[in-house]
Amino acid sequence: MEQKKKALGKGLEELFSSEVLDFDTFESNIMENASSDEIKEIPINEIRPNPYQPRKTFNEEALNELALSIKNYGVFQPIIVKKSIKGYDLIAGERRLRASKIAGLENIPAIVKEFTDDEMREISLLENIQRENLTAIELAWAYKGIIDNLDIRQEDLAKKIGKSRSHITNTLGLLNLPEEVQKKILNGEISMGHARVLSKMDDESRVMTLADKVIKENISVHDLEEISKKEDIKKRVPITRRNVDTNYFHIENELRDVLGTKVKVDNKKVSIYFDSINDLNRILEIMNIEIK
C-alpha cells in the first residue's frame, strides 16, 4: 500500500488516502491551481479517449443535449488531458469531448497535466462512479478496478464512496454471470435488481434462459425472485422429504447477500462455494479471516 501511495501525484495521494473519495473536489482543485500555460485549446482530433474508461455505452439523447448547449454557449469546464507521444490522452471529461465532436467543434479547452497510467485509470474510475449513470456491469468493473489498483478491501471502498459493503459485494458478484447476460446488463436490457437475482443462481443455462424471459415477458424483480426461490427449493429438497426448513432458506439468502456467492445450509453443515483462489480470498476478507 505504501508503494501505491508513493506512485500517486500530489492531490491524487490526498484524494485516494482520504476517508471519502470526492471527484468534484479533486477536479476543482486542478482547475483552481492550473497555470495559464496548462490550459490550452487543443485540436479534438489529437485527443485519444481514455483507455481505462469503464463506460462502454453513452446515452445518445443526453449527449445530443449537451452538444446543443456546447454549440450555443461553448465548453464551460475544460477537460483534463496528458501529453502523449502522439497528441494527448484524455483523463477526465469524456462526455464533454464526445458532445463537442457532435457539436462540430475543432478545438476544446483542456488542462494539460502529467499523470501516470495508474493515475489515469484511478481518476477515470472515480469520475464514472460519482458522476455517470453506469450500468450495473460497468459499475462492477469500476469497483473492481479501484479495489485492485488501490489495493483496498471491499469494506474500505464502501466507506469511501458511501455505500454498504453488501452493495459492493452484490455488484461485484455480477461479474460471475455468463458473458451473454453481462452484455444484456451492459446494454440496459436487464436492471440491477434482475441482475442481482440472476447472479445468485447456479445453473448457467437457466440463468441465460431467465435473462431472455425477463426481457421478452417484462418479468418484475419480485416475480424473478419467486421463480428463483421455487427452483432452489425444488433442487435442494429430496423427493422423499416433505417439509422444508424455511429457517435454513432464510439463512442461506442472508449469507448469499453478505458473501456474494452460493451458500447451502443443511445437515448441520454450512457450505460456501467459490470460483477461484481470488474469489476465496474475497470471501475470507468479508468474513475477517486472515490466513498466515
Protein backbone atom coordinates (compact mmCIF):
# COMPACT_ATOMS: atom_id res chain seq x y z
CA MET A 1 0.00 0.00 0.00
CA GLU A 2 2.91 2.31 0.78
CA GLN A 3 4.30 1.82 -2.72
CA LYS A 4 0.92 2.70 -4.19
CA LYS A 5 0.87 5.97 -2.26
CA LYS A 6 4.34 6.89 -3.47
CA ALA A 7 3.20 6.39 -7.05
CA LEU A 8 0.38 8.92 -6.67
CA GLY A 9 0.97 12.53 -7.52
CA LYS A 10 0.22 15.48 -5.27
CA GLY A 11 -3.53 15.87 -4.99
CA LEU A 12 -4.16 12.31 -6.06
CA GLU A 13 -2.48 10.97 -2.93
CA GLU A 14 -4.68 13.21 -0.80
CA LEU A 15 -7.73 12.16 -2.81
CA PHE A 16 -7.26 8.39 -2.50
CA SER A 17 -5.92 8.38 1.05
CA SER A 18 -8.80 10.50 2.36
CA GLU A 19 -11.74 8.96 4.20
CA VAL A 20 -14.18 9.80 1.41
CA LEU A 21 -13.44 9.91 -2.33
CA ASP A 22 -14.68 13.15 -3.90
CA PHE A 23 -14.01 13.64 -7.60
CA ASP A 24 -15.65 17.08 -7.77
CA THR A 25 -13.30 18.49 -5.12
CA PHE A 26 -10.31 16.93 -6.85
CA GLU A 27 -11.26 18.38 -10.24
CA SER A 28 -11.99 21.79 -8.71
CA ASN A 29 -8.54 21.81 -7.14
CA ILE A 30 -6.95 21.04 -10.50
CA MET A 31 -8.87 23.87 -12.19
CA GLU A 32 -8.13 26.40 -9.44
CA ASN A 33 -4.43 25.57 -9.36
CA ALA A 34 -3.94 25.27 -13.12
CA SER A 35 -1.50 27.82 -14.50
CA SER A 36 -2.24 29.69 -17.71
CA ASP A 37 0.21 27.57 -19.69
CA GLU A 38 -1.55 24.39 -18.56
CA ILE A 39 -4.90 25.45 -20.10
CA LYS A 40 -4.84 25.18 -23.88
CA GLU A 41 -7.16 24.99 -26.87
CA ILE A 42 -6.37 21.55 -28.23
CA PRO A 43 -7.46 20.06 -31.57
CA ILE A 44 -10.10 17.44 -30.82
CA ASN A 45 -8.67 15.05 -33.41
CA GLU A 46 -5.41 14.93 -31.44
CA ILE A 47 -7.09 13.60 -28.29
CA ARG A 48 -7.22 9.85 -27.68
CA PRO A 49 -10.06 8.50 -25.45
CA ASN A 50 -9.04 7.23 -22.04
CA PRO A 51 -8.27 3.51 -22.49
CA TYR A 52 -9.25 2.90 -18.85
CA GLN A 53 -12.76 4.31 -19.27
CA PRO A 54 -15.14 1.74 -17.72
CA ARG A 55 -18.18 3.15 -19.51
CA LYS A 56 -18.86 1.30 -22.75
CA THR A 57 -22.18 2.90 -23.71
CA PHE A 58 -23.26 6.54 -23.71
CA ASN A 59 -26.78 7.97 -23.71
CA GLU A 60 -27.15 9.45 -27.18
CA GLU A 61 -30.03 11.74 -26.22
CA ALA A 62 -28.09 13.20 -23.28
CA LEU A 63 -25.01 13.66 -25.46
CA ASN A 64 -27.04 15.49 -28.11
CA GLU A 65 -28.50 17.81 -25.45
CA LEU A 66 -25.02 18.57 -24.15
CA ALA A 67 -23.79 19.08 -27.73
CA LEU A 68 -26.54 21.64 -28.34
CA SER A 69 -25.56 23.51 -25.17
CA ILE A 70 -21.90 23.48 -26.21
CA LYS A 71 -22.80 24.67 -29.69
CA ASN A 72 -24.71 27.63 -28.24
CA TYR A 73 -22.56 28.53 -25.24
CA GLY A 74 -19.25 26.72 -25.62
CA VAL A 75 -17.46 24.36 -23.22
CA PHE A 76 -17.69 25.87 -19.74
CA GLN A 77 -15.41 23.39 -17.99
CA PRO A 78 -12.12 22.27 -19.57
CA ILE A 79 -11.41 18.59 -19.96
CA ILE A 80 -8.24 17.14 -18.41
CA VAL A 81 -5.59 15.53 -20.62
CA LYS A 82 -1.98 14.41 -20.50
CA LYS A 83 0.60 14.83 -23.26
CA SER A 84 1.42 11.63 -25.08
CA ILE A 85 3.81 10.66 -27.85
CA LYS A 86 1.11 11.31 -30.44
CA GLY A 87 -1.14 14.11 -29.29
CA TYR A 88 -2.96 13.81 -25.97
CA ASP A 89 -4.62 11.16 -23.80
CA LEU A 90 -7.95 12.03 -22.20
CA ILE A 91 -8.01 11.74 -18.40
CA ALA A 92 -11.40 13.19 -17.44
CA GLY A 93 -14.34 14.68 -19.33
CA GLU A 94 -15.24 12.11 -21.99
CA ARG A 95 -18.87 13.26 -22.23
CA ARG A 96 -17.73 16.84 -22.91
CA LEU A 97 -15.29 15.58 -25.53
CA ARG A 98 -17.88 13.42 -27.30
CA ALA A 99 -20.50 16.17 -27.20
CA SER A 100 -18.00 18.69 -28.57
CA LYS A 101 -17.37 16.37 -31.52
CA ILE A 102 -21.12 16.15 -32.17
CA ALA A 103 -21.34 19.96 -31.95
CA GLY A 104 -18.73 20.20 -34.70
CA LEU A 105 -16.00 21.85 -32.63
CA GLU A 106 -12.45 21.52 -33.91
CA ASN A 107 -10.77 22.58 -30.66
CA ILE A 108 -11.64 22.13 -26.98
CA PRO A 109 -10.27 23.82 -23.83
CA ALA A 110 -8.14 21.41 -21.85
CA ILE A 111 -5.92 21.38 -18.79
CA VAL A 112 -2.69 19.56 -19.57
CA LYS A 113 -1.35 17.61 -16.58
CA GLU A 114 1.25 14.92 -16.10
CA PHE A 115 -0.22 11.65 -14.82
CA THR A 116 0.92 8.04 -14.86
CA ASP A 117 -1.18 5.29 -16.44
CA ASP A 118 -2.23 4.10 -12.96
CA GLU A 119 -3.38 7.60 -12.04
CA MET A 120 -5.31 7.91 -15.32
CA ARG A 121 -7.12 4.68 -14.54
CA GLU A 122 -7.98 5.71 -10.98
CA ILE A 123 -9.25 9.16 -11.97
CA SER A 124 -11.42 7.74 -14.75
CA LEU A 125 -12.92 5.09 -12.47
CA LEU A 126 -13.71 7.62 -9.77
CA GLU A 127 -15.23 10.13 -12.20
CA ASN A 128 -17.57 7.48 -13.53
CA ILE A 129 -18.62 6.16 -10.14
CA GLN A 130 -19.52 9.61 -8.83
CA ARG A 131 -20.59 11.42 -12.00
CA GLU A 132 -22.08 8.99 -14.51
CA ASN A 133 -25.06 6.63 -14.52
CA LEU A 134 -23.13 3.47 -15.23
CA THR A 135 -24.84 0.19 -16.00
CA ALA A 136 -24.53 -2.43 -13.26
CA ILE A 137 -21.74 -4.25 -15.14
CA GLU A 138 -19.78 -1.05 -15.80
CA LEU A 139 -20.13 -0.21 -12.12
CA ALA A 140 -18.87 -3.67 -11.16
CA TRP A 141 -15.77 -3.26 -13.35
CA ALA A 142 -15.22 0.23 -11.91
CA TYR A 143 -15.40 -1.10 -8.34
CA LYS A 144 -13.06 -3.97 -9.19
CA GLY A 145 -10.65 -1.55 -10.83
CA ILE A 146 -10.41 0.69 -7.76
CA ILE A 147 -10.08 -2.28 -5.38
CA ASP A 148 -7.31 -3.82 -7.50
CA ASN A 149 -5.46 -0.58 -8.26
CA LEU A 150 -5.57 0.89 -4.77
CA ASP A 151 -5.12 -2.48 -3.07
CA ILE A 152 -8.00 -1.86 -0.67
CA ARG A 153 -10.72 -4.07 0.77
CA GLN A 154 -14.37 -4.05 -0.26
CA GLU A 155 -15.22 -2.62 3.15
CA ASP A 156 -12.78 0.27 2.62
CA LEU A 157 -14.24 1.09 -0.78
CA ALA A 158 -17.76 1.00 0.65
CA LYS A 159 -16.80 3.62 3.25
CA LYS A 160 -15.00 5.80 0.71
CA ILE A 161 -17.96 6.03 -1.67
CA GLY A 162 -20.73 5.98 0.94
CA LYS A 163 -22.18 2.57 0.05
CA SER A 164 -22.86 -0.57 2.09
CA ARG A 165 -20.43 -3.46 1.85
CA SER A 166 -23.27 -5.72 0.70
CA HIS A 167 -23.87 -3.31 -2.22
CA ILE A 168 -20.21 -3.64 -3.25
CA THR A 169 -20.28 -7.42 -2.84
CA ASN A 170 -23.53 -7.86 -4.77
CA THR A 171 -22.33 -5.61 -7.57
CA LEU A 172 -19.01 -7.44 -7.91
CA GLY A 173 -20.95 -10.71 -7.95
CA LEU A 174 -22.41 -9.70 -11.32
CA LEU A 175 -19.02 -10.34 -12.92
CA ASN A 176 -19.62 -14.07 -12.34
CA LEU A 177 -22.64 -14.04 -14.67
CA PRO A 178 -22.35 -15.56 -18.17
CA GLU A 179 -20.87 -13.13 -20.69
CA GLU A 180 -24.08 -13.07 -22.74
CA VAL A 181 -26.07 -11.96 -19.70
CA GLN A 182 -23.45 -9.34 -18.81
CA LYS A 183 -23.88 -7.87 -22.29
CA LYS A 184 -27.64 -7.58 -21.74
CA ILE A 185 -26.99 -5.72 -18.48
CA LEU A 186 -24.40 -3.55 -20.22
CA ASN A 187 -26.96 -2.63 -22.89
CA GLY A 188 -29.54 -1.74 -20.26
CA GLU A 189 -31.85 -4.63 -21.18
CA ILE A 190 -31.69 -6.07 -17.66
CA SER A 191 -31.86 -3.96 -14.49
CA MET A 192 -29.54 -4.14 -11.49
CA GLY A 193 -32.36 -5.75 -9.48
CA HIS A 194 -32.85 -8.53 -12.02
CA ALA A 195 -29.10 -8.99 -12.39
CA ARG A 196 -28.65 -9.36 -8.65
CA VAL A 197 -31.19 -12.20 -8.53
CA LEU A 198 -29.66 -13.94 -11.55
CA SER A 199 -26.15 -13.69 -10.10
CA LYS A 200 -27.19 -15.89 -7.17
CA MET A 201 -28.33 -18.74 -9.40
CA ASP A 202 -26.01 -21.64 -10.17
CA ASP A 203 -27.28 -23.12 -13.45
CA GLU A 204 -25.66 -21.02 -16.19
CA SER A 205 -28.04 -22.20 -18.93
CA ARG A 206 -31.03 -21.47 -16.71
CA VAL A 207 -29.65 -18.00 -15.95
CA MET A 208 -29.46 -17.24 -19.67
CA THR A 209 -32.97 -18.60 -20.24
CA LEU A 210 -34.40 -16.46 -17.45
CA ALA A 211 -32.50 -13.41 -18.67
CA ASP A 212 -34.22 -13.75 -22.05
CA LYS A 213 -37.55 -14.31 -20.28
CA VAL A 214 -37.09 -11.09 -18.27
CA ILE A 215 -36.63 -9.11 -21.49
CA LYS A 216 -39.35 -10.77 -23.58
CA GLU A 217 -42.04 -11.03 -20.90
CA ASN A 218 -41.08 -8.00 -18.82
CA ILE A 219 -40.88 -10.06 -15.62
CA SER A 220 -40.61 -7.99 -12.45
CA VAL A 221 -37.75 -8.39 -9.98
CA HIS A 222 -40.20 -9.77 -7.40
CA ASP A 223 -41.51 -12.42 -9.81
CA LEU A 224 -37.96 -13.39 -10.76
CA GLU A 225 -37.10 -13.79 -7.07
CA GLU A 226 -40.10 -16.09 -6.63
CA ILE A 227 -39.01 -18.19 -9.62
CA SER A 228 -35.51 -18.42 -8.17
CA LYS A 229 -36.80 -19.48 -4.74
CA LYS A 230 -39.06 -22.18 -6.17
CA GLU A 231 -36.29 -23.62 -8.32
CA ASP A 232 -33.83 -23.51 -5.44
CA ILE A 233 -36.21 -25.32 -3.08
CA LYS A 234 -37.03 -27.93 -5.73
CA LYS A 235 -33.33 -28.53 -6.37
CA ARG A 236 -32.27 -28.72 -2.74
CA VAL A 237 -35.08 -30.81 -1.25
CA PRO A 238 -35.01 -34.62 -1.84
CA ILE A 239 -38.23 -36.07 -3.27
CA THR A 240 -38.79 -38.14 -0.12
CA ARG A 241 -38.58 -35.09 2.12
CA ARG A 242 -41.93 -33.42 2.72
CA ASN A 243 -41.11 -30.42 4.88
CA VAL A 244 -38.71 -27.63 4.01
CA ASP A 245 -36.90 -25.86 6.85
CA THR A 246 -37.64 -22.25 5.92
CA ASN A 247 -35.19 -21.03 8.57
CA TYR A 248 -32.36 -22.56 6.57
CA PHE A 249 -33.62 -20.98 3.38
CA HIS A 250 -33.72 -17.56 5.04
CA ILE A 251 -30.22 -18.01 6.45
CA GLU A 252 -28.89 -19.08 3.05
CA ASN A 253 -30.30 -15.95 1.42
CA GLU A 254 -28.81 -13.72 4.11
CA LEU A 255 -25.40 -15.35 3.75
CA ARG A 256 -25.57 -15.07 -0.05
CA ASP A 257 -26.26 -11.35 0.24
CA VAL A 258 -23.29 -10.84 2.56
CA LEU A 259 -20.81 -13.13 0.81
CA GLY A 260 -21.96 -12.67 -2.77
CA THR A 261 -21.79 -16.38 -3.54
CA LYS A 262 -23.79 -19.62 -3.35
CA VAL A 263 -24.34 -20.90 0.21
CA LYS A 264 -26.07 -24.10 1.39
CA VAL A 265 -27.14 -24.89 4.94
CA ASP A 266 -28.26 -28.46 5.68
CA ASN A 267 -27.47 -31.47 7.85
CA LYS A 268 -25.78 -29.29 10.47
CA LYS A 269 -23.36 -28.08 7.82
CA VAL A 270 -22.71 -24.74 6.06
CA SER A 271 -21.25 -24.98 2.53
CA ILE A 272 -19.78 -21.86 0.94
CA TYR A 273 -18.90 -22.04 -2.76
CA PHE A 274 -16.14 -20.15 -4.57
CA ASP A 275 -14.95 -19.98 -8.20
CA SER A 276 -11.24 -19.26 -7.85
CA ILE A 277 -8.49 -18.50 -5.34
CA ASN A 278 -9.22 -14.78 -5.77
CA ASP A 279 -12.90 -15.40 -5.05
CA LEU A 280 -11.94 -17.43 -1.95
CA ASN A 281 -9.72 -14.60 -0.73
CA ARG A 282 -12.58 -12.16 -1.29
CA ILE A 283 -14.90 -14.32 0.85
CA LEU A 284 -12.29 -14.72 3.61
CA GLU A 285 -11.81 -10.94 3.61
CA ILE A 286 -15.55 -10.37 4.10
CA MET A 287 -15.51 -12.90 6.98
CA ASN A 288 -12.49 -11.12 8.50
CA ILE A 289 -10.44 -14.32 8.33
CA GLU A 290 -6.72 -13.78 7.81
CA ILE A 291 -4.67 -16.76 6.61
CA LYS A 292 -0.99 -16.56 7.52
